[in-house]
Each structure stands twice: as C-alpha cells, then as structure tokens.
Protein backbone atom coordinates (compact mmCIF):
# COMPACT_ATOMS: atom_id res chain seq x y z
CA MET A 1 29.64 7.49 26.71
CA THR A 2 27.67 4.98 24.66
CA GLY A 3 29.20 2.61 22.11
CA HIS A 4 27.89 4.66 19.17
CA ASP A 5 29.37 7.87 20.58
CA ALA A 6 32.71 6.09 20.93
CA ILE A 7 32.56 5.04 17.26
CA LEU A 8 31.85 8.63 16.13
CA GLN A 9 34.72 9.90 18.27
CA SER A 10 37.03 7.28 16.76
CA LEU A 11 35.88 8.37 13.27
CA ALA A 12 36.64 12.02 14.05
CA GLU A 13 40.13 11.11 15.30
CA LYS A 14 40.84 9.01 12.21
CA LEU A 15 39.67 11.75 9.84
CA ALA A 16 41.72 14.35 11.69
CA SER A 17 44.86 12.22 11.28
CA ALA A 18 44.33 11.78 7.51
CA GLN A 19 43.96 15.35 6.32
CA SER A 20 46.23 14.97 3.24
CA ALA A 21 45.89 11.24 2.63
CA GLN A 22 45.43 9.73 -0.81
CA GLU A 23 43.77 6.61 0.59
CA LEU A 24 41.33 6.28 3.49
CA SER A 25 40.04 2.95 4.83
CA LEU A 26 37.18 2.88 7.36
CA ALA A 27 36.50 -0.83 6.89
CA TYR A 28 34.16 -2.36 9.51
CA LEU A 29 34.11 0.80 11.64
CA GLN A 30 30.27 0.65 11.84
CA ILE A 31 29.87 4.43 11.53
CA GLY A 32 26.31 4.06 10.19
CA ASP A 33 24.33 6.93 8.71
CA ALA A 34 25.17 9.11 11.72
CA GLY A 35 28.85 9.23 10.75
CA CYS A 36 28.23 10.12 7.09
CA PRO A 37 28.02 13.94 7.62
CA GLN A 38 31.52 13.92 9.15
CA LEU A 39 32.85 11.76 6.32
CA ALA A 40 31.20 13.95 3.66
CA ALA A 41 32.78 17.06 5.17
CA TYR A 42 36.17 15.33 5.15
CA ILE A 43 35.81 14.31 1.48
CA SER A 44 34.93 17.89 0.52
CA GLN A 45 37.95 19.26 2.38
CA CYS A 46 40.52 16.66 1.20
CA PRO A 47 41.39 17.25 -2.49
CA THR A 48 44.18 14.64 -2.39
CA LEU A 49 41.87 11.72 -1.62
CA LYS A 50 41.95 9.10 -4.41
CA ARG A 51 40.67 5.88 -2.80
CA LEU A 52 37.92 5.54 -0.17
CA ASP A 53 36.95 2.24 1.49
CA VAL A 54 33.81 2.14 3.67
CA ARG A 55 33.08 -1.58 3.50
CA GLY A 56 31.07 -3.06 6.35
CA CYS A 57 30.29 0.36 7.89
CA ASN A 58 26.53 -0.23 8.19
CA ILE A 59 25.77 2.61 5.76
CA ARG A 60 22.21 2.68 4.49
CA GLY A 61 20.52 4.53 1.64
CA ASP A 62 20.14 7.80 3.57
CA GLY A 63 23.81 7.81 4.53
CA LEU A 64 24.88 7.21 0.92
CA ALA A 65 22.68 10.14 -0.17
CA ILE A 66 24.72 12.33 2.21
CA LEU A 67 28.06 11.10 0.82
CA ALA A 68 27.11 11.36 -2.87
CA PRO A 69 27.36 15.20 -3.30
CA ALA A 70 30.79 15.20 -1.67
CA LEU A 71 31.95 12.37 -3.95
CA ARG A 72 30.69 14.25 -7.01
CA SER A 73 32.88 17.29 -6.27
CA SER A 74 35.97 15.24 -5.33
CA ALA A 75 38.84 13.79 -7.39
CA ILE A 76 38.30 10.29 -6.05
CA GLU A 77 39.28 7.37 -8.32
CA SER A 78 38.07 4.35 -6.35
CA PHE A 79 35.05 4.03 -4.02
CA THR A 80 34.48 0.75 -2.16
CA CYS A 81 31.07 0.53 -0.47
CA LYS A 82 30.54 -3.23 -0.30
CA TRP A 83 28.90 -5.16 2.54
CA ASN A 84 26.57 -2.30 3.54
CA GLU A 85 22.80 -1.82 3.26
CA VAL A 86 22.42 1.00 0.73
CA GLY A 87 19.56 -0.94 -0.88
CA THR A 88 17.21 0.05 1.93
CA SER A 89 16.10 3.12 -0.06
CA LEU A 90 16.28 4.17 -3.70
CA GLY A 91 17.39 7.73 -2.93
CA GLY A 92 20.93 6.74 -1.96
CA ILE A 93 21.66 4.91 -5.24
CA GLN A 94 20.00 7.70 -7.24
CA ALA A 95 22.27 10.28 -5.61
CA LEU A 96 25.35 8.10 -6.16
CA ALA A 97 24.41 7.47 -9.82
CA GLU A 98 23.99 11.20 -10.36
CA ALA A 99 27.42 11.79 -8.83
CA CYS A 100 29.03 9.09 -11.02
CA ARG A 101 27.24 10.04 -14.24
CA ASP A 102 29.79 12.65 -15.35
CA HIS A 103 32.50 12.17 -12.72
CA PRO A 104 35.87 12.89 -14.39
CA THR A 105 38.11 10.58 -12.33
CA LEU A 106 36.07 7.77 -10.75
CA THR A 107 37.18 4.52 -12.43
CA SER A 108 36.29 1.89 -9.80
CA LEU A 109 33.01 1.44 -7.90
CA ASP A 110 32.35 -1.55 -5.62
CA LEU A 111 28.71 -2.08 -4.51
CA ARG A 112 28.68 -5.81 -3.87
CA ASN A 113 26.37 -7.30 -1.22
CA ASN A 114 24.22 -4.20 -0.68
CA LYS A 115 20.71 -5.67 -1.08
CA LEU A 116 20.18 -3.95 -4.44
CA THR A 117 16.97 -5.21 -6.05
CA THR A 118 15.50 -5.00 -9.56
CA ASP A 119 14.28 -1.45 -8.89
CA PHE A 120 17.88 -0.20 -8.69
CA ALA A 121 18.94 -1.66 -12.06
CA GLN A 122 17.36 1.12 -14.13
CA VAL A 123 19.18 3.82 -12.14
CA LEU A 124 22.53 2.07 -12.62
CA SER A 125 21.80 1.42 -16.31
CA ASP A 126 21.07 5.09 -16.97
CA MET A 127 24.29 6.04 -15.19
CA LEU A 128 26.36 3.60 -17.28
CA ALA A 129 24.76 4.79 -20.51
CA SER A 130 26.13 8.30 -20.01
CA ASN A 131 29.37 7.52 -18.15
CA THR A 132 32.65 7.54 -20.10
CA VAL A 133 35.21 7.05 -17.31
CA LEU A 134 34.13 4.17 -15.07
CA GLN A 135 36.12 0.98 -15.81
CA TYR A 136 35.21 -1.35 -12.92
CA LEU A 137 31.76 -1.83 -11.36
CA ASP A 138 31.15 -4.69 -8.90
CA LEU A 139 27.47 -5.54 -8.32
CA SER A 140 27.90 -9.15 -7.23
CA TRP A 141 25.81 -10.76 -4.48
CA ASN A 142 22.86 -8.42 -4.77
CA GLU A 143 19.27 -9.19 -5.78
CA LEU A 144 18.98 -7.70 -9.28
CA GLY A 145 17.26 -10.78 -10.74
CA PRO A 146 16.73 -11.66 -14.43
CA GLU A 147 14.82 -8.47 -15.25
CA GLY A 148 17.42 -6.30 -13.53
CA GLY A 149 20.16 -8.05 -15.51
CA ARG A 150 18.45 -7.25 -18.81
CA THR A 151 17.97 -3.63 -17.74
CA LEU A 152 21.64 -3.36 -16.75
CA GLN A 153 22.65 -4.88 -20.11
CA GLN A 154 21.09 -1.91 -21.91
CA GLY A 155 23.31 0.51 -20.01
CA ILE A 156 26.45 -1.56 -20.65
CA GLN A 157 25.49 -1.75 -24.33
CA ALA A 158 25.73 2.05 -24.54
CA ASN A 159 28.89 2.25 -22.41
CA LYS A 160 32.35 2.15 -24.01
CA SER A 161 34.63 2.49 -20.97
CA LEU A 162 33.51 -0.27 -18.57
CA ARG A 163 36.05 -3.12 -18.58
CA ASP A 164 34.79 -5.44 -15.83
CA CYS A 165 31.43 -5.84 -14.06
CA PRO A 166 31.14 -8.89 -11.75
CA LEU A 167 27.48 -9.93 -11.34
CA ASN A 168 27.78 -13.20 -9.41
CA GLY A 169 24.93 -14.12 -7.09
CA ASN A 170 22.25 -11.94 -8.76
CA ARG A 171 20.19 -14.75 -10.35
CA ILE A 172 20.80 -13.24 -13.81
CA SER A 173 20.13 -15.56 -16.75
CA ASP A 174 23.02 -17.16 -18.63
CA ASP A 175 22.09 -15.44 -21.90
CA THR A 176 22.23 -12.02 -20.26
CA MET A 177 25.54 -12.85 -18.55
CA ASN A 178 27.04 -14.01 -21.86
CA THR A 179 25.86 -10.85 -23.62
CA ILE A 180 27.31 -8.64 -20.88
CA SER A 181 30.60 -10.57 -21.04
CA TYR A 182 30.73 -9.98 -24.79
CA LEU A 183 30.06 -6.25 -24.34
CA LEU A 184 32.80 -5.97 -21.73
CA ARG A 185 35.26 -7.77 -24.04
CA ARG A 186 34.24 -5.36 -26.76
CA ASN A 187 35.12 -2.43 -24.53
CA ARG A 188 38.46 -3.97 -23.55
CA LEU A 189 39.39 -4.47 -27.20
CA HIS A 190 38.04 -1.12 -28.34
CA GLU A 191 41.25 0.81 -27.71
CA ALA A 192 43.39 -1.82 -29.43
CA GLU A 193 41.11 -1.74 -32.47
CA GLN A 194 41.39 2.02 -32.87
CA ASP A 195 44.64 1.68 -34.86
CA PRO A 196 45.59 -1.84 -36.05
CA LEU A 197 49.07 -0.72 -37.14
CA GLN A 198 49.96 0.88 -33.84
CA VAL A 199 51.67 -1.27 -31.22
CA ASP A 200 50.10 -1.16 -27.81
CA PRO A 201 52.54 0.55 -25.42
CA PHE A 202 51.55 -1.93 -22.70
CA MET A 203 52.78 -4.90 -24.76
CA PRO A 204 56.14 -6.36 -23.71
CA GLY A 205 58.74 -4.60 -25.85
CA GLY A 206 56.03 -2.55 -27.53
CA GLU A 207 56.92 0.80 -29.05
CA HIS A 208 55.41 3.19 -31.54
CA PHE A 209 56.91 2.58 -34.95
CA CYS A 210 57.95 5.33 -37.32
CA ARG A 211 55.30 6.48 -39.74
CA THR A 212 57.43 8.55 -42.09
CA THR A 213 60.70 7.98 -43.84
CA ALA A 214 62.27 10.92 -42.03
CA ASP A 215 61.37 9.42 -38.63
CA ARG A 216 63.04 6.06 -39.32
CA PRO A 217 66.59 5.19 -38.37
CA LYS A 218 69.06 5.56 -41.20
CA GLU A 219 69.72 1.83 -41.43
CA LEU A 220 66.02 1.31 -42.30
CA GLN A 221 65.90 3.91 -45.09
CA ARG A 222 65.67 2.15 -48.38
CA ASP A 223 67.69 2.62 -51.53
CA PHE A 224 65.54 2.50 -54.62
CA VAL A 225 68.50 3.16 -56.91
CA GLY A 226 67.90 0.02 -58.97
CA MET A 227 64.42 1.11 -60.08
CA ASP A 228 65.27 4.84 -60.17
CA LEU A 229 62.58 5.48 -57.56
CA LEU A 230 64.87 7.73 -55.55
CA PRO A 231 67.67 10.04 -56.75
CA ALA A 232 70.92 8.19 -57.28
CA PRO A 233 74.51 9.06 -58.24
CA SER A 234 74.96 9.51 -61.94
CA ARG A 235 76.18 6.52 -63.89
CA ALA A 236 76.70 5.64 -67.49
CA PRO A 237 73.87 3.93 -69.36
CA ASN A 238 74.00 0.15 -69.14
CA SER A 239 76.89 0.40 -66.72
CA HIS A 240 77.61 -2.73 -64.75
CA ARG A 241 76.07 -2.93 -61.27
CA GLU A 242 77.84 -5.03 -58.69
CA PRO A 243 75.74 -7.46 -56.74
CA ALA A 244 74.44 -5.97 -53.47
CA GLN A 245 75.02 -7.89 -50.27
CA PRO A 246 72.12 -8.69 -47.90
CA THR A 247 72.08 -6.49 -44.81
CA GLY A 248 69.56 -8.38 -42.67
CA ASN A 249 66.98 -5.65 -43.24
CA LEU A 250 63.86 -6.95 -44.97
CA THR A 251 62.95 -3.82 -46.88
CA HIS A 252 66.53 -2.94 -47.76
CA ASP A 253 67.28 -6.42 -49.10
CA LEU A 254 63.98 -6.40 -50.98
CA ASP A 255 64.78 -3.15 -52.72
CA LEU A 256 68.30 -4.30 -53.57
CA ARG A 257 67.04 -7.53 -55.17
CA ILE A 258 64.42 -5.58 -57.16
CA ALA A 259 67.12 -3.17 -58.24
CA ILE A 260 69.48 -5.83 -59.71
CA ALA A 261 66.83 -8.27 -60.97
CA PRO A 262 65.73 -8.67 -64.58
CA LEU A 263 62.31 -7.23 -65.31
CA GLY A 264 60.47 -10.54 -65.54
CA GLU A 265 61.65 -11.81 -62.17
CA THR A 266 60.52 -8.89 -60.00
CA PRO A 267 57.25 -10.33 -58.53
CA GLN A 268 58.92 -13.61 -57.65
CA ILE A 269 61.79 -11.70 -56.07
CA LEU A 270 59.32 -9.84 -53.86
CA GLN A 271 57.85 -13.08 -52.60
CA ASP A 272 61.25 -14.78 -52.13
CA SER A 273 62.60 -11.73 -50.31
CA ILE A 274 59.73 -11.66 -47.85
CA GLU A 275 60.02 -15.40 -47.18
CA GLY A 276 63.79 -15.11 -46.77
CA ALA A 277 63.47 -12.20 -44.36
CA ARG A 278 60.89 -14.06 -42.28
CA GLN A 279 63.19 -17.04 -41.77
CA PRO A 280 65.38 -15.46 -39.01
CA ALA A 281 62.26 -14.61 -37.03
CA ARG A 282 61.10 -18.22 -37.28
CA ASN A 283 64.44 -19.58 -36.10
CA HIS A 284 64.99 -17.14 -33.22
CA THR A 285 63.00 -15.53 -30.44
CA GLY A 286 63.09 -12.31 -28.47
CA LYS A 287 65.06 -9.65 -30.29
CA ASN A 288 64.75 -11.25 -33.76
CA GLU A 289 60.95 -11.29 -33.45
CA SER A 290 60.96 -7.61 -32.62
CA TRP A 291 63.31 -7.07 -35.61
CA TRP A 292 60.90 -8.91 -37.90
CA MET A 293 57.88 -6.95 -36.67
CA SER A 294 59.67 -3.63 -36.99
CA ASN A 295 60.76 -4.44 -40.55
CA VAL A 296 57.27 -5.61 -41.53
CA ARG A 297 55.84 -2.37 -40.16
CA THR A 298 58.36 -0.39 -42.15
CA LEU A 299 57.51 -2.39 -45.27
CA VAL A 300 53.80 -1.69 -44.83
CA ILE A 301 54.37 2.03 -44.41
CA GLU A 302 56.87 2.49 -47.25
CA SER A 303 55.20 0.18 -49.73
CA ASP A 304 52.67 2.95 -50.40
CA GLN A 305 55.47 5.25 -51.58
CA MET A 306 57.04 2.48 -53.62
CA ALA A 307 53.68 1.63 -55.25
CA LEU A 308 53.11 5.28 -56.15
CA LYS A 309 56.54 5.56 -57.74
CA VAL A 310 56.03 2.31 -59.64
CA LEU A 311 52.79 3.73 -61.05
CA GLU A 312 54.52 6.99 -61.92
CA ARG A 313 57.19 5.07 -63.78
CA GLU A 314 54.48 3.05 -65.54
CA LYS A 315 52.95 6.28 -66.83
CA LYS A 316 56.31 7.51 -68.08
CA THR A 317 57.50 4.29 -69.75
CA ARG A 318 56.94 3.76 -73.47
CA HIS A 319 57.51 0.01 -73.48
CA PRO A 320 54.30 -2.04 -73.21
CA ALA A 321 56.07 -5.02 -71.65
CA GLU A 322 57.72 -2.89 -69.00
CA ALA A 323 54.42 -1.08 -68.30
CA ALA A 324 52.60 -4.40 -67.88
CA LEU A 325 55.35 -5.61 -65.57
CA LEU A 326 55.18 -2.44 -63.50
CA ARG A 327 51.40 -2.78 -63.23
CA GLU A 328 51.92 -6.36 -62.09
CA VAL A 329 54.47 -5.18 -59.54
CA ALA A 330 52.09 -2.47 -58.27
CA ASP A 331 49.22 -4.97 -57.98
CA TYR A 332 51.45 -7.39 -56.16
CA ILE A 333 52.61 -4.65 -53.78
CA GLU A 334 48.98 -3.76 -53.06
CA LYS A 335 48.20 -7.42 -52.41
CA LEU A 336 51.19 -7.65 -50.07
CA GLN A 337 49.99 -4.52 -48.28
CA MET A 338 46.59 -6.04 -47.73
CA ASP A 339 48.04 -9.36 -46.55
CA VAL A 340 50.51 -7.70 -44.19
CA ALA A 341 47.87 -5.34 -42.79
CA LYS A 342 45.44 -8.24 -42.32
CA ASN A 343 48.11 -10.39 -40.64
CA LYS A 344 49.14 -7.45 -38.52
CA LYS A 345 45.55 -6.84 -37.46
CA HIS A 346 45.11 -10.52 -36.64
CA ARG A 347 48.31 -10.46 -34.63
CA VAL A 348 47.26 -7.29 -32.79
CA ASP A 349 43.82 -8.79 -32.15
CA SER A 350 45.28 -11.99 -30.78
CA GLU A 351 47.84 -10.13 -28.69
CA GLY A 352 45.09 -7.81 -27.50
CA ARG A 353 42.92 -10.73 -26.52
CA GLU A 354 45.85 -12.41 -24.83
CA ARG A 355 46.70 -9.18 -23.04
CA VAL A 356 43.09 -8.66 -21.97
CA VAL A 357 42.92 -12.22 -20.64
CA ALA A 358 46.26 -11.82 -18.88
CA ASN A 359 45.23 -8.47 -17.44
CA GLY A 360 41.94 -9.98 -16.37
CA PHE A 361 43.76 -12.79 -14.60
CA VAL A 362 46.17 -10.30 -13.02
CA GLU A 363 43.32 -8.05 -11.91
CA ARG A 364 41.38 -10.98 -10.52
CA GLU A 365 44.49 -12.30 -8.81
CA SER A 366 45.08 -8.85 -7.34
CA ARG A 367 41.50 -8.66 -6.15
CA PHE A 368 41.66 -12.18 -4.77
CA ALA A 369 44.94 -11.33 -3.05
CA ALA A 370 43.41 -8.15 -1.62
CA GLU A 371 40.35 -10.06 -0.48
CA LEU A 372 42.61 -12.74 0.96
CA ARG A 373 44.49 -10.06 2.87
CA GLU A 374 41.17 -8.68 4.05
CA MET A 375 40.09 -12.14 5.15
CA GLU A 376 43.43 -12.57 6.91
CA VAL A 377 42.83 -9.28 8.74
CA ILE A 378 39.31 -10.42 9.59
CA GLY A 379 40.72 -13.79 10.69
CA ALA A 380 43.30 -12.05 12.86
CA LYS A 381 40.57 -9.92 14.40
CA ALA A 382 38.46 -13.04 14.89
CA ARG A 383 41.41 -14.81 16.55
CA ASP A 384 41.97 -11.81 18.82
CA GLN A 385 38.28 -11.76 19.66
CA ARG A 386 38.37 -15.52 20.28
CA GLU A 387 41.33 -15.09 22.63
CA ASP A 388 39.52 -12.27 24.42
CA LEU A 389 36.42 -14.44 24.68
CA GLN A 390 38.50 -17.36 25.96
CA ARG A 391 40.04 -15.12 28.62
CA GLU A 392 36.61 -13.80 29.53
CA VAL A 393 35.23 -17.36 29.66
CA LYS A 394 38.08 -18.41 31.96
CA HIS A 395 37.39 -15.42 34.18
CA LEU A 396 33.68 -16.19 34.23
CA GLN A 397 34.41 -19.86 34.99
CA SER A 398 36.59 -18.86 37.93
CA GLU A 399 33.83 -16.52 39.11
CA ILE A 400 31.32 -19.35 38.75
CA ARG A 401 33.54 -21.68 40.78
CA ARG A 402 33.98 -19.03 43.46
CA THR A 403 30.24 -18.37 43.51
CA GLN A 404 29.53 -22.10 43.74
CA ALA A 405 31.93 -22.39 46.69
CA GLU A 406 30.18 -19.45 48.35
CA ILE A 407 26.82 -21.07 47.68
CA ILE A 408 28.05 -24.36 49.23
CA GLU A 409 29.35 -22.50 52.28
CA THR A 410 26.09 -20.59 52.53
CA ASN A 411 24.13 -23.83 52.35
CA LYS A 412 26.26 -25.27 55.13
CA SER A 413 25.70 -22.18 57.25
CA ARG A 414 21.99 -22.32 56.50
CA ASP A 415 21.90 -25.99 57.56
CA ARG A 416 23.66 -25.09 60.82
CA PHE A 417 21.27 -22.23 61.43
CA GLU A 418 18.28 -24.42 60.62
CA LYS A 419 19.59 -27.07 63.05
CA GLN A 420 20.10 -24.47 65.74
CA ILE A 421 16.66 -23.03 65.10
CA THR A 422 15.15 -26.50 65.23
CA GLU A 423 16.85 -27.25 68.53
CA THR A 424 15.80 -23.88 69.90
CA LEU A 425 12.21 -24.48 68.79
CA ASP A 426 12.23 -27.89 70.42
CA GLN A 427 13.48 -26.36 73.64
CA LEU A 428 10.86 -23.64 73.43
CA ARG A 429 8.19 -26.20 72.77
CA MET A 430 9.30 -28.20 75.83
CA GLN A 431 9.34 -25.02 77.93
CA ILE A 432 5.92 -24.05 76.63
CA LYS A 433 4.67 -27.56 77.34
CA ASN A 434 6.07 -27.40 80.87
CA GLU A 435 4.62 -23.93 81.35
CA LEU A 436 1.29 -25.13 80.05
CA GLY A 437 1.45 -28.06 82.50
CA GLN A 438 2.26 -25.71 85.33
CA LYS A 439 -0.53 -23.42 84.18
CA ALA A 440 -2.95 -26.35 84.20
CA ASP A 441 -1.80 -27.30 87.71
CA CYS A 442 -2.19 -23.72 88.82
CA GLU A 443 -5.60 -23.52 87.26
CA SER A 444 -6.67 -26.77 88.99
CA GLU A 445 -5.29 -25.47 92.29
CA LEU A 446 -7.05 -22.18 91.68
CA TYR A 447 -10.23 -24.06 90.93
CA LYS A 448 -9.85 -26.01 94.14
CA VAL A 449 -9.21 -22.81 96.07
CA GLN A 450 -12.21 -21.21 94.41
CA VAL A 451 -14.33 -24.24 95.28
CA GLN A 452 -13.02 -24.17 98.83
CA PHE A 453 -13.67 -20.45 98.95
CA CYS A 454 -17.20 -21.00 97.76
CA GLU A 455 -17.69 -23.67 100.37
CA GLU A 456 -16.24 -21.44 103.05
CA GLU A 457 -18.41 -18.58 101.77
CA GLU A 458 -21.48 -20.79 102.09
CA GLU A 459 -20.34 -21.83 105.55
CA ASN A 460 -19.80 -18.20 106.42
CA GLN A 461 -23.29 -17.40 105.14
CA LYS A 462 -24.69 -20.16 107.34
CA MET A 463 -22.66 -18.86 110.22
CA ARG A 464 -23.88 -15.34 109.61
CA ARG A 465 -27.47 -16.52 109.44
CA PHE A 466 -26.91 -18.57 112.57
CA LEU A 467 -25.31 -15.63 114.34
CA SER A 468 -28.08 -13.36 113.18
CA GLN A 469 -30.66 -15.81 114.39
CA THR A 470 -28.78 -16.29 117.60
CA LYS A 471 -28.50 -12.56 118.05
CA GLY A 472 -32.19 -12.18 117.46
CA ASN A 473 -32.93 -14.90 119.98
CA LEU A 474 -30.49 -13.31 122.39
CA ASP A 475 -32.05 -9.94 121.98
CA THR A 476 -35.46 -11.45 122.52
CA ALA A 477 -34.21 -13.25 125.53
CA LEU A 478 -32.68 -10.14 126.92
CA ARG A 479 -35.89 -8.30 126.44
CA ASP A 480 -37.77 -11.07 128.16
CA VAL A 481 -35.39 -11.17 131.17
CA PRO A 482 -36.41 -7.89 132.74
CA GLN A 483 -39.99 -8.84 132.28
CA ALA A 484 -39.38 -12.14 133.89
CA GLN A 485 -37.46 -10.51 136.68
CA ALA A 486 -40.26 -8.17 137.10
CA GLN A 487 -42.75 -10.97 137.34
CA HIS A 488 -40.74 -12.67 139.95
C-alpha cells in the first residue's frame, strides 16, 4: 500500500467515525483532490455538520469544485480551507462562490494563503454583493493586488452582513484598506442603528424597555393629577393640595412638581426635575445608572402623551396666559424629547462602537488563541517528529559505526589476503624461475645430445660408407680369388 492509499484509508475511517458530528477537522491530512469525492459524499449525508476544517490538506481548484455542490446543500456554518492551493484554477472558486451566494447558514469562510490572484477578486466580489448571511471572510496572505482590492471593495460596498474581512499580505493599497474597514464598521453598526431607542440585548445589563404605559411596571406609571391630564379623584375647586414627596422616579417626581407648581414656574420645574433626577446617576454606578437610563427611556416614551394632552388642554382653555404657558410647556417638552433622543442615540452609538471594538478584540483574541493552539499542536507534532528523527539518526549513526567497523575488518582481511597472495606469487615466481633454469639446462643438454647425435650420425654415415666400400672391395676381391686360383 502506497502512502497516498494509506491517507485515503485514514480519511475513510475518520469519516466513518464522525457520522453525526457537528464539527469535523481534517487539518493537515493531505487528502488532496483524490479525497474530495469521499468528503463531498460525507457532507451530503451528514445534516448535523456545522463546522468543517480542511486546512493544509493540499486541496486544489479541482478538488474544491467537487466539494462546492455538497457545501451548497448542507447546513454548514463555518468552512475553513486555509493553507491549500485552490488558486490553481478559477473553477474551484467559482463553484464555491456559487455555493455561498445564497447559502442560508454559512457565516464564516476562511480562504487565507490559497494563492488567489487578481482574477479571483471579481468572483468573490459578485458573491459578496448578493450574499446576506456571511459575516466573516478571511482572504489574507493571497495575491489579490491593488486592482483585486478595489474589485473586492465593490462587493463589500453592496454587502450588509459582512463584519470582518482580513486582507493582510495582499499588497492592497492603504486607501482601499481604509475604505473596506469603514464599510465593515458600517455593517457592524447597522443593526444598532436600526432602532436608536432600543437597547442592544448583548449589552451588559441590557433589556428591552417598555414602549406603552400598560407594559410598564406600576411604580413607573405617572400621575398627571396636578394638570388634569389623567382622571383623578373628585375634589372641591381650589381645594388645598398637600406637597408630594419625591419617590426617586424621574418621571413621577417631574409630574408631581408640575402638578403642584404655579403656572409660571412649569418650564423651570421641568429642567430642575431632570437635573435633580440625573444627580443620583452621576454619584453612583451600576444599578443607579441602569435606573437613570430606564427612567429616561420612560420619559422619552411618555412625553409624547403628555405633550398631546398639554396641547389638548391648550385648545380647551379660555385664558390667553394659560394657553401661552401650555404652548411653552409643549415646546419645551418637544425640545427635551429631541435632546433626550439625540443623547440616547449618541450613547447607543458610542456603546455600539465600544461593543464592536470589544467584540473585535474578543474575536481576534479567540482567533489568535485558536491559532496559538494550532501552532502548539503543530509544535508538538514537530517535536514528536524531531524526536523520531533523533532516534532514527542515532540508529543510523550506530549502523554507520557498525559498517565502519566491518569495513575496517574487511580492509584488514584484504591486507592479509593481499600479503598471502604476494607471498604466494613470489614463491610461484621463484618456482617458475627455477623451472625455467632447469628447462634451460635441459635444453642445453638436449642440444648437446642432439649435437652428439649428429656427430655420431655423421660418424655412422662414414662408417656405413666405409663398410659399403669395404664390402665392395671384399666382393671384388672374392670374385678375383677364384680367378687367381684358377690362374695358379
């Protein structure tokens, strides 16, 4: 089994063990494009999956194009695909952008360090222009360039949901970065600006305040008896009214002071009452501040009713002085409404900005902490690998030492064999020399014998000629003997 087959088998085992998981991390598994069909099938068959992490898996554009249809039909909320190579082809990002364009649940997309160039910016910009759910998009450490940054800015301009979009390491101009930062702040403040009088439920101690008199607690319902703005128990004309005691409620104390005050002092009483009710909030913190804000909200809501009833009384009165005073009171109430609403909006804006900044810091701290944990995991893996390498190096060093010892012993044996061979050759040379000497002696002896044989052969030839001659003479003599005998 090859290394790649082992990785695919490990992927299959991991997917089989996470059939109903909400979070799946395949970080650094190196599944490549070959493992994407298995992962896409798993995504399609796992409706509970919310977070998918495939960082460092060597996924390229073709692999991302395989995953995109499965992501589009899933309920995934966070997709981390950083430290891959999806920028190798435009088709992968196009498929992913099409999947994210109208995805109902995907709020976080991490594509950092994926070799995305300027050509990919238009695809991402078109996706952002029509997306209404995505809140976090990380494109840092790519290669978008200045032109890609301007193209991406157009998509963010049309987007109202994106809260954060890191673009570090893309060589985008400072003007474009500042504009994108402004657009992201605009989106973060958009929800808070929808209703300036509504308290953000994510604020510490925040709660929705009552918008109608019937919804308010009884202690906050006001008594407009003094100005006959609400029904009151019957009393005799010009009957004496006992001074009302302050209750600590801004609107209640305000109405009581208006009720018992002479007509000419009413506007000043409104101002003094507001200043007096603000004082506890200035001198205390925590609960008193919440008390002040709740009473100011109640004053803003109910002042409309009070202004209407003041105007109604102005229409009914027949005294010009009283009518002018009531008009002055109504104008002053309207002015107070505008001031309170403006101050409230400023406060909400500042708290919203503070909350956005705090949330940004918290989010960044969370991301940094997560990345730190990732780096710690990577460091632990690196330490384990270093220890494995150290053990392997020690083993190889011991093998080298053993091999060197064997080489030294082999060299010694070779030297002994060479010495023995040299001695043997010397002996053979001496034997050959002796044999050659003996051969030379034998050859000289043979030559002598051959010479002697030749000499003897010549002597034999002479002897044969002599014998032949002698024989001839003898035969002649023998033939002459009978003749001689006959002559005698």
